[in-house]
């Protein structure tokens, strides 16, 4: 078991080392602009990625906003279970994020899809809708990249396909997006 743990930690370090720093810095700039222009930021994903989106919305909407004294308008599209199940039941599960964006999304807003495979049909459809309607599109994905990386205006790729390691690295990126403002509040001016 100790060998397995050591190998797992080593592989996790490699996944973290694959985070493209310039791409994360560019995404922080996207959030700076969204804040300055009072744009909405939408995050969405499935399973562990859904949980990461909820966590991100909490940290950006509360932690970063409190620290800089200005409010990020951020919403995790994974958090309204009754709306998601109504959309899934009446349309399809592929529509649960795109149809929420139809209500909320405006040109210039930010749509952030999070997925290990990059091929989650509901995330793909949401990014397609966002792109077609003038939103800025971002994908956080694993090494398979998938359709989301092709659609998104900004794609950040973790060089691994292991779900746990990619989700951990993606959460690391989402934390960086929040802590960039918490630990450097002057960037929000």
C-alpha atoms as a PDB file:
ATOM      1  CA  UNK A   1       0.000   0.000   0.000  1.00  0.00           C
ATOM      2  CA  UNK A   2       2.854   2.413   0.767  1.00  0.00           C
ATOM      3  CA  UNK A   3       4.241   1.934  -2.755  1.00  0.00           C
ATOM      4  CA  UNK A   4       0.828   2.606  -4.271  1.00  0.00           C
ATOM      5  CA  UNK A   5       0.456   5.785  -2.184  1.00  0.00           C
ATOM      6  CA  UNK A   6       3.935   6.959  -3.176  1.00  0.00           C
ATOM      7  CA  UNK A   7       3.186   6.316  -6.856  1.00  0.00           C
ATOM      8  CA  UNK A   8      -0.174   8.073  -6.587  1.00  0.00           C
ATOM      9  CA  UNK A   9       1.394  11.149  -4.986  1.00  0.00           C
ATOM     10  CA  UNK A  10       4.103  11.183  -7.645  1.00  0.00           C
ATOM     11  CA  UNK A  11       1.513  11.024 -10.421  1.00  0.00           C
ATOM     12  CA  UNK A  12      -0.514  13.776  -8.709  1.00  0.00           C
ATOM     13  CA  UNK A  13       2.569  16.002  -8.599  1.00  0.00           C
ATOM     14  CA  UNK A  14       3.066  15.400 -12.336  1.00  0.00           C
ATOM     15  CA  UNK A  15      -0.560  16.376 -13.017  1.00  0.00           C
ATOM     16  CA  UNK A  16      -0.103  19.558 -11.003  1.00  0.00           C
ATOM     17  CA  UNK A  17       3.168  20.289 -12.796  1.00  0.00           C
ATOM     18  CA  UNK A  18       1.277  20.088 -16.111  1.00  0.00           C
ATOM     19  CA  UNK A  19      -0.898  23.099 -15.220  1.00  0.00           C
ATOM     20  CA  UNK A  20      -0.136  25.670 -17.935  1.00  0.00           C
ATOM     21  CA  UNK A  21       0.762  28.792 -15.937  1.00  0.00           C
ATOM     22  CA  UNK A  22       0.304  31.232 -18.836  1.00  0.00           C
ATOM     23  CA  UNK A  23      -3.178  29.876 -19.534  1.00  0.00           C
ATOM     24  CA  UNK A  24      -4.191  30.234 -15.882  1.00  0.00           C
ATOM     25  CA  UNK A  25      -2.852  33.811 -15.861  1.00  0.00           C
ATOM     26  CA  UNK A  26      -4.917  34.527 -18.984  1.00  0.00           C
ATOM     27  CA  UNK A  27      -8.013  33.137 -17.262  1.00  0.00           C
ATOM     28  CA  UNK A  28      -7.366  35.336 -14.221  1.00  0.00           C
ATOM     29  CA  UNK A  29      -7.282  38.292 -16.645  1.00  0.00           C
ATOM     30  CA  UNK A  30     -10.630  37.118 -18.052  1.00  0.00           C
ATOM     31  CA  UNK A  31     -12.080  37.207 -14.527  1.00  0.00           C
ATOM     32  CA  UNK A  32     -10.553  40.656 -13.917  1.00  0.00           C
ATOM     33  CA  UNK A  33     -12.334  41.913 -17.024  1.00  0.00           C
ATOM     34  CA  UNK A  34     -15.599  40.206 -16.044  1.00  0.00           C
ATOM     35  CA  UNK A  35     -15.426  41.903 -12.652  1.00  0.00           C
ATOM     36  CA  UNK A  36     -14.643  45.317 -14.163  1.00  0.00           C
ATOM     37  CA  UNK A  37     -17.521  44.999 -16.653  1.00  0.00           C
ATOM     38  CA  UNK A  38     -19.961  43.499 -14.110  1.00  0.00           C
ATOM     39  CA  UNK A  39     -20.302  40.319 -16.173  1.00  0.00           C
ATOM     40  CA  UNK A  40     -21.821  37.084 -14.943  1.00  0.00           C
ATOM     41  CA  UNK A  41     -19.574  34.024 -14.542  1.00  0.00           C
ATOM     42  CA  UNK A  42     -21.206  30.608 -14.967  1.00  0.00           C
ATOM     43  CA  UNK A  43     -19.518  27.329 -13.951  1.00  0.00           C
ATOM     44  CA  UNK A  44     -20.799  23.865 -14.780  1.00  0.00           C
ATOM     45  CA  UNK A  45     -19.714  20.223 -14.808  1.00  0.00           C
ATOM     46  CA  UNK A  46     -20.811  16.734 -13.741  1.00  0.00           C
ATOM     47  CA  UNK A  47     -20.008  14.572 -10.727  1.00  0.00           C
ATOM     48  CA  UNK A  48     -16.778  15.670  -9.031  1.00  0.00           C
ATOM     49  CA  UNK A  49     -16.547  18.540 -11.512  1.00  0.00           C
ATOM     50  CA  UNK A  50     -20.007  19.719 -10.401  1.00  0.00           C
ATOM     51  CA  UNK A  51     -18.784  19.773  -6.813  1.00  0.00           C
ATOM     52  CA  UNK A  52     -15.701  21.700  -7.912  1.00  0.00           C
ATOM     53  CA  UNK A  53     -17.937  24.265  -9.649  1.00  0.00           C
ATOM     54  CA  UNK A  54     -19.981  24.741  -6.468  1.00  0.00           C
ATOM     55  CA  UNK A  55     -16.797  25.162  -4.454  1.00  0.00           C
ATOM     56  CA  UNK A  56     -15.445  27.676  -7.002  1.00  0.00           C
ATOM     57  CA  UNK A  57     -18.648  29.756  -6.913  1.00  0.00           C
ATOM     58  CA  UNK A  58     -18.463  29.851  -3.119  1.00  0.00           C
ATOM     59  CA  UNK A  59     -14.811  30.899  -3.010  1.00  0.00           C
ATOM     60  CA  UNK A  60     -15.102  33.517  -5.755  1.00  0.00           C
ATOM     61  CA  UNK A  61     -18.522  34.819  -4.723  1.00  0.00           C
ATOM     62  CA  UNK A  62     -17.761  35.030  -1.014  1.00  0.00           C
ATOM     63  CA  UNK A  63     -14.047  34.758  -0.284  1.00  0.00           C
ATOM     64  CA  UNK A  64     -12.609  36.752  -3.198  1.00  0.00           C
ATOM     65  CA  UNK A  65     -15.491  39.232  -3.218  1.00  0.00           C
ATOM     66  CA  UNK A  66     -15.128  39.894   0.517  1.00  0.00           C
ATOM     67  CA  UNK A  67     -11.391  40.428   0.196  1.00  0.00           C
ATOM     68  CA  UNK A  68     -11.534  42.876  -2.714  1.00  0.00           C
ATOM     69  CA  UNK A  69     -14.649  44.683  -1.495  1.00  0.00           C
ATOM     70  CA  UNK A  70     -16.424  44.203  -4.826  1.00  0.00           C
ATOM     71  CA  UNK A  71     -18.799  41.417  -5.798  1.00  0.00           C
ATOM     72  CA  UNK A  72     -18.142  38.780  -8.410  1.00  0.00           C
ATOM     73  CA  UNK A  73     -21.397  37.737 -10.063  1.00  0.00           C
ATOM     74  CA  UNK A  74     -20.772  33.997 -10.148  1.00  0.00           C
ATOM     75  CA  UNK A  75     -23.213  31.125 -10.370  1.00  0.00           C
ATOM     76  CA  UNK A  76     -22.689  27.379 -10.406  1.00  0.00           C
ATOM     77  CA  UNK A  77     -25.274  25.908 -12.773  1.00  0.00           C
ATOM     78  CA  UNK A  78     -24.999  22.619 -10.865  1.00  0.00           C
ATOM     79  CA  UNK A  79     -26.643  23.914  -7.686  1.00  0.00           C
ATOM     80  CA  UNK A  80     -30.366  24.205  -8.477  1.00  0.00           C
ATOM     81  CA  UNK A  81     -31.461  20.571  -8.339  1.00  0.00           C
ATOM     82  CA  UNK A  82     -35.160  21.219  -8.991  1.00  0.00           C
ATOM     83  CA  UNK A  83     -34.382  23.267 -12.111  1.00  0.00           C
ATOM     84  CA  UNK A  84     -31.844  20.731 -13.380  1.00  0.00           C
ATOM     85  CA  UNK A  85     -34.267  17.830 -12.908  1.00  0.00           C
ATOM     86  CA  UNK A  86     -37.123  19.747 -14.564  1.00  0.00           C
ATOM     87  CA  UNK A  87     -34.917  20.503 -17.571  1.00  0.00           C
ATOM     88  CA  UNK A  88     -33.602  16.932 -17.684  1.00  0.00           C
ATOM     89  CA  UNK A  89     -37.108  15.496 -17.454  1.00  0.00           C
ATOM     90  CA  UNK A  90     -38.853  17.843 -19.887  1.00  0.00           C
ATOM     91  CA  UNK A  91     -36.031  18.159 -22.434  1.00  0.00           C
ATOM     92  CA  UNK A  92     -32.945  16.006 -21.878  1.00  0.00           C
ATOM     93  CA  UNK A  93     -29.983  15.793 -19.548  1.00  0.00           C
ATOM     94  CA  UNK A  94     -27.909  17.326 -22.353  1.00  0.00           C
ATOM     95  CA  UNK A  95     -29.946  20.535 -21.886  1.00  0.00           C
ATOM     96  CA  UNK A  96     -29.554  21.088 -18.133  1.00  0.00           C
ATOM     97  CA  UNK A  97     -26.821  23.742 -18.465  1.00  0.00           C
ATOM     98  CA  UNK A  98     -27.573  25.270 -21.881  1.00  0.00           C
ATOM     99  CA  UNK A  99     -31.183  25.963 -20.935  1.00  0.00           C
ATOM    100  CA  UNK A 100     -30.107  27.733 -17.747  1.00  0.00           C
ATOM    101  CA  UNK A 101     -27.729  29.842 -19.837  1.00  0.00           C
ATOM    102  CA  UNK A 102     -30.667  30.738 -22.085  1.00  0.00           C
ATOM    103  CA  UNK A 103     -32.279  32.419 -19.076  1.00  0.00           C
ATOM    104  CA  UNK A 104     -29.176  34.080 -17.638  1.00  0.00           C
ATOM    105  CA  UNK A 105     -26.389  34.326 -20.210  1.00  0.00           C
ATOM    106  CA  UNK A 106     -25.648  37.578 -22.009  1.00  0.00           C
ATOM    107  CA  UNK A 107     -22.940  38.494 -24.528  1.00  0.00           C
ATOM    108  CA  UNK A 108     -19.653  39.118 -22.742  1.00  0.00           C
ATOM    109  CA  UNK A 109     -20.466  36.856 -19.782  1.00  0.00           C
ATOM    110  CA  UNK A 110     -18.132  33.933 -18.998  1.00  0.00           C
ATOM    111  CA  UNK A 111     -19.136  30.259 -19.394  1.00  0.00           C
ATOM    112  CA  UNK A 112     -16.676  27.925 -17.647  1.00  0.00           C
ATOM    113  CA  UNK A 113     -17.125  24.208 -18.348  1.00  0.00           C
ATOM    114  CA  UNK A 114     -15.213  21.715 -16.201  1.00  0.00           C
ATOM    115  CA  UNK A 115     -14.790  18.091 -17.304  1.00  0.00           C
ATOM    116  CA  UNK A 116     -12.150  15.369 -17.201  1.00  0.00           C
ATOM    117  CA  UNK A 117     -13.094  13.847 -20.570  1.00  0.00           C
ATOM    118  CA  UNK A 118     -13.983  17.111 -22.268  1.00  0.00           C
ATOM    119  CA  UNK A 119     -16.876  15.309 -23.935  1.00  0.00           C
ATOM    120  CA  UNK A 120     -19.728  15.577 -21.423  1.00  0.00           C
ATOM    121  CA  UNK A 121     -22.722  16.176 -23.730  1.00  0.00           C
ATOM    122  CA  UNK A 122     -24.383  18.710 -21.418  1.00  0.00           C
ATOM    123  CA  UNK A 123     -21.148  20.711 -21.057  1.00  0.00           C
ATOM    124  CA  UNK A 124     -20.488  20.561 -24.807  1.00  0.00           C
ATOM    125  CA  UNK A 125     -24.015  21.807 -25.546  1.00  0.00           C
ATOM    126  CA  UNK A 126     -23.704  24.613 -22.991  1.00  0.00           C
ATOM    127  CA  UNK A 127     -20.384  25.793 -24.458  1.00  0.00           C
ATOM    128  CA  UNK A 128     -21.822  25.624 -27.976  1.00  0.00           C
ATOM    129  CA  UNK A 129     -24.796  27.750 -26.923  1.00  0.00           C
ATOM    130  CA  UNK A 130     -22.526  30.169 -25.051  1.00  0.00           C
ATOM    131  CA  UNK A 131     -20.182  30.584 -28.010  1.00  0.00           C
ATOM    132  CA  UNK A 132     -23.065  31.090 -30.455  1.00  0.00           C
ATOM    133  CA  UNK A 133     -24.531  33.763 -28.173  1.00  0.00           C
ATOM    134  CA  UNK A 134     -21.416  35.842 -27.563  1.00  0.00           C
ATOM    135  CA  UNK A 135     -20.301  34.560 -24.171  1.00  0.00           C
ATOM    136  CA  UNK A 136     -16.616  34.017 -23.442  1.00  0.00           C
ATOM    137  CA  UNK A 137     -16.062  30.261 -23.313  1.00  0.00           C
ATOM    138  CA  UNK A 138     -13.559  28.411 -21.124  1.00  0.00           C
ATOM    139  CA  UNK A 139     -12.923  24.675 -20.718  1.00  0.00           C
ATOM    140  CA  UNK A 140     -10.927  22.963 -17.967  1.00  0.00           C
ATOM    141  CA  UNK A 141     -10.287  19.436 -19.228  1.00  0.00           C
ATOM    142  CA  UNK A 142      -8.015  16.412 -18.962  1.00  0.00           C
ATOM    143  CA  UNK A 143      -5.525  15.126 -21.525  1.00  0.00           C
ATOM    144  CA  UNK A 144      -8.197  13.683 -23.825  1.00  0.00           C
ATOM    145  CA  UNK A 145      -9.244  17.321 -24.398  1.00  0.00           C
ATOM    146  CA  UNK A 146     -12.484  16.360 -26.090  1.00  0.00           C
ATOM    147  CA  UNK A 147     -14.997  18.523 -27.888  1.00  0.00           C
ATOM    148  CA  UNK A 148     -15.042  21.132 -25.103  1.00  0.00           C
ATOM    149  CA  UNK A 149     -11.415  22.069 -25.780  1.00  0.00           C
ATOM    150  CA  UNK A 150     -12.257  22.500 -29.479  1.00  0.00           C
ATOM    151  CA  UNK A 151     -15.223  24.794 -28.778  1.00  0.00           C
ATOM    152  CA  UNK A 152     -13.811  26.945 -25.993  1.00  0.00           C
ATOM    153  CA  UNK A 153     -12.067  30.211 -26.641  1.00  0.00           C
ATOM    154  CA  UNK A 154      -9.751  29.319 -23.753  1.00  0.00           C
ATOM    155  CA  UNK A 155      -8.891  25.714 -22.903  1.00  0.00           C
ATOM    156  CA  UNK A 156      -6.738  24.638 -19.979  1.00  0.00           C
ATOM    157  CA  UNK A 157      -5.605  21.036 -20.266  1.00  0.00           C
ATOM    158  CA  UNK A 158      -4.280  18.841 -17.442  1.00  0.00           C
ATOM    159  CA  UNK A 159      -1.892  16.257 -18.873  1.00  0.00           C
ATOM    160  CA  UNK A 160      -3.515  13.212 -17.269  1.00  0.00           C
ATOM    161  CA  UNK A 161      -6.634  11.085 -17.819  1.00  0.00           C
ATOM    162  CA  UNK A 162      -7.087   9.787 -14.239  1.00  0.00           C
ATOM    163  CA  UNK A 163     -10.353  11.255 -12.976  1.00  0.00           C
ATOM    164  CA  UNK A 164      -9.196  11.879  -9.411  1.00  0.00           C
ATOM    165  CA  UNK A 165      -5.918  13.481 -10.401  1.00  0.00           C
ATOM    166  CA  UNK A 166      -7.474  15.696 -13.082  1.00  0.00           C
ATOM    167  CA  UNK A 167     -10.304  16.787 -10.778  1.00  0.00           C
ATOM    168  CA  UNK A 168      -7.763  17.618  -8.061  1.00  0.00           C
ATOM    169  CA  UNK A 169      -5.657  19.637 -10.503  1.00  0.00           C
ATOM    170  CA  UNK A 170      -8.758  21.407 -11.844  1.00  0.00           C
ATOM    171  CA  UNK A 171      -9.775  22.313  -8.298  1.00  0.00           C
ATOM    172  CA  UNK A 172      -6.249  23.633  -7.828  1.00  0.00           C
ATOM    173  CA  UNK A 173      -6.772  25.902 -10.836  1.00  0.00           C
ATOM    174  CA  UNK A 174     -10.169  27.022  -9.561  1.00  0.00           C
ATOM    175  CA  UNK A 175      -8.579  27.829  -6.208  1.00  0.00           C
ATOM    176  CA  UNK A 176      -5.853  29.818  -7.969  1.00  0.00           C
ATOM    177  CA  UNK A 177      -8.533  31.840  -9.758  1.00  0.00           C
ATOM    178  CA  UNK A 178     -10.041  32.764  -6.397  1.00  0.00           C
ATOM    179  CA  UNK A 179      -6.867  33.198  -4.369  1.00  0.00           C
ATOM    180  CA  UNK A 180      -5.317  35.388  -7.079  1.00  0.00           C
ATOM    181  CA  UNK A 181      -7.822  38.006  -5.906  1.00  0.00           C
ATOM    182  CA  UNK A 182      -7.780  37.081  -2.209  1.00  0.00           C
ATOM    183  CA  UNK A 183      -3.996  37.297  -1.946  1.00  0.00           C
ATOM    184  CA  UNK A 184      -3.508  40.103  -4.504  1.00  0.00           C
ATOM    185  CA  UNK A 185      -6.580  42.326  -4.057  1.00  0.00           C
ATOM    186  CA  UNK A 186      -4.970  45.173  -6.024  1.00  0.00           C
ATOM    187  CA  UNK A 187      -5.560  43.231  -9.259  1.00  0.00           C
ATOM    188  CA  UNK A 188      -9.276  43.947  -8.873  1.00  0.00           C
ATOM    189  CA  UNK A 189      -8.744  47.738  -9.158  1.00  0.00           C
END
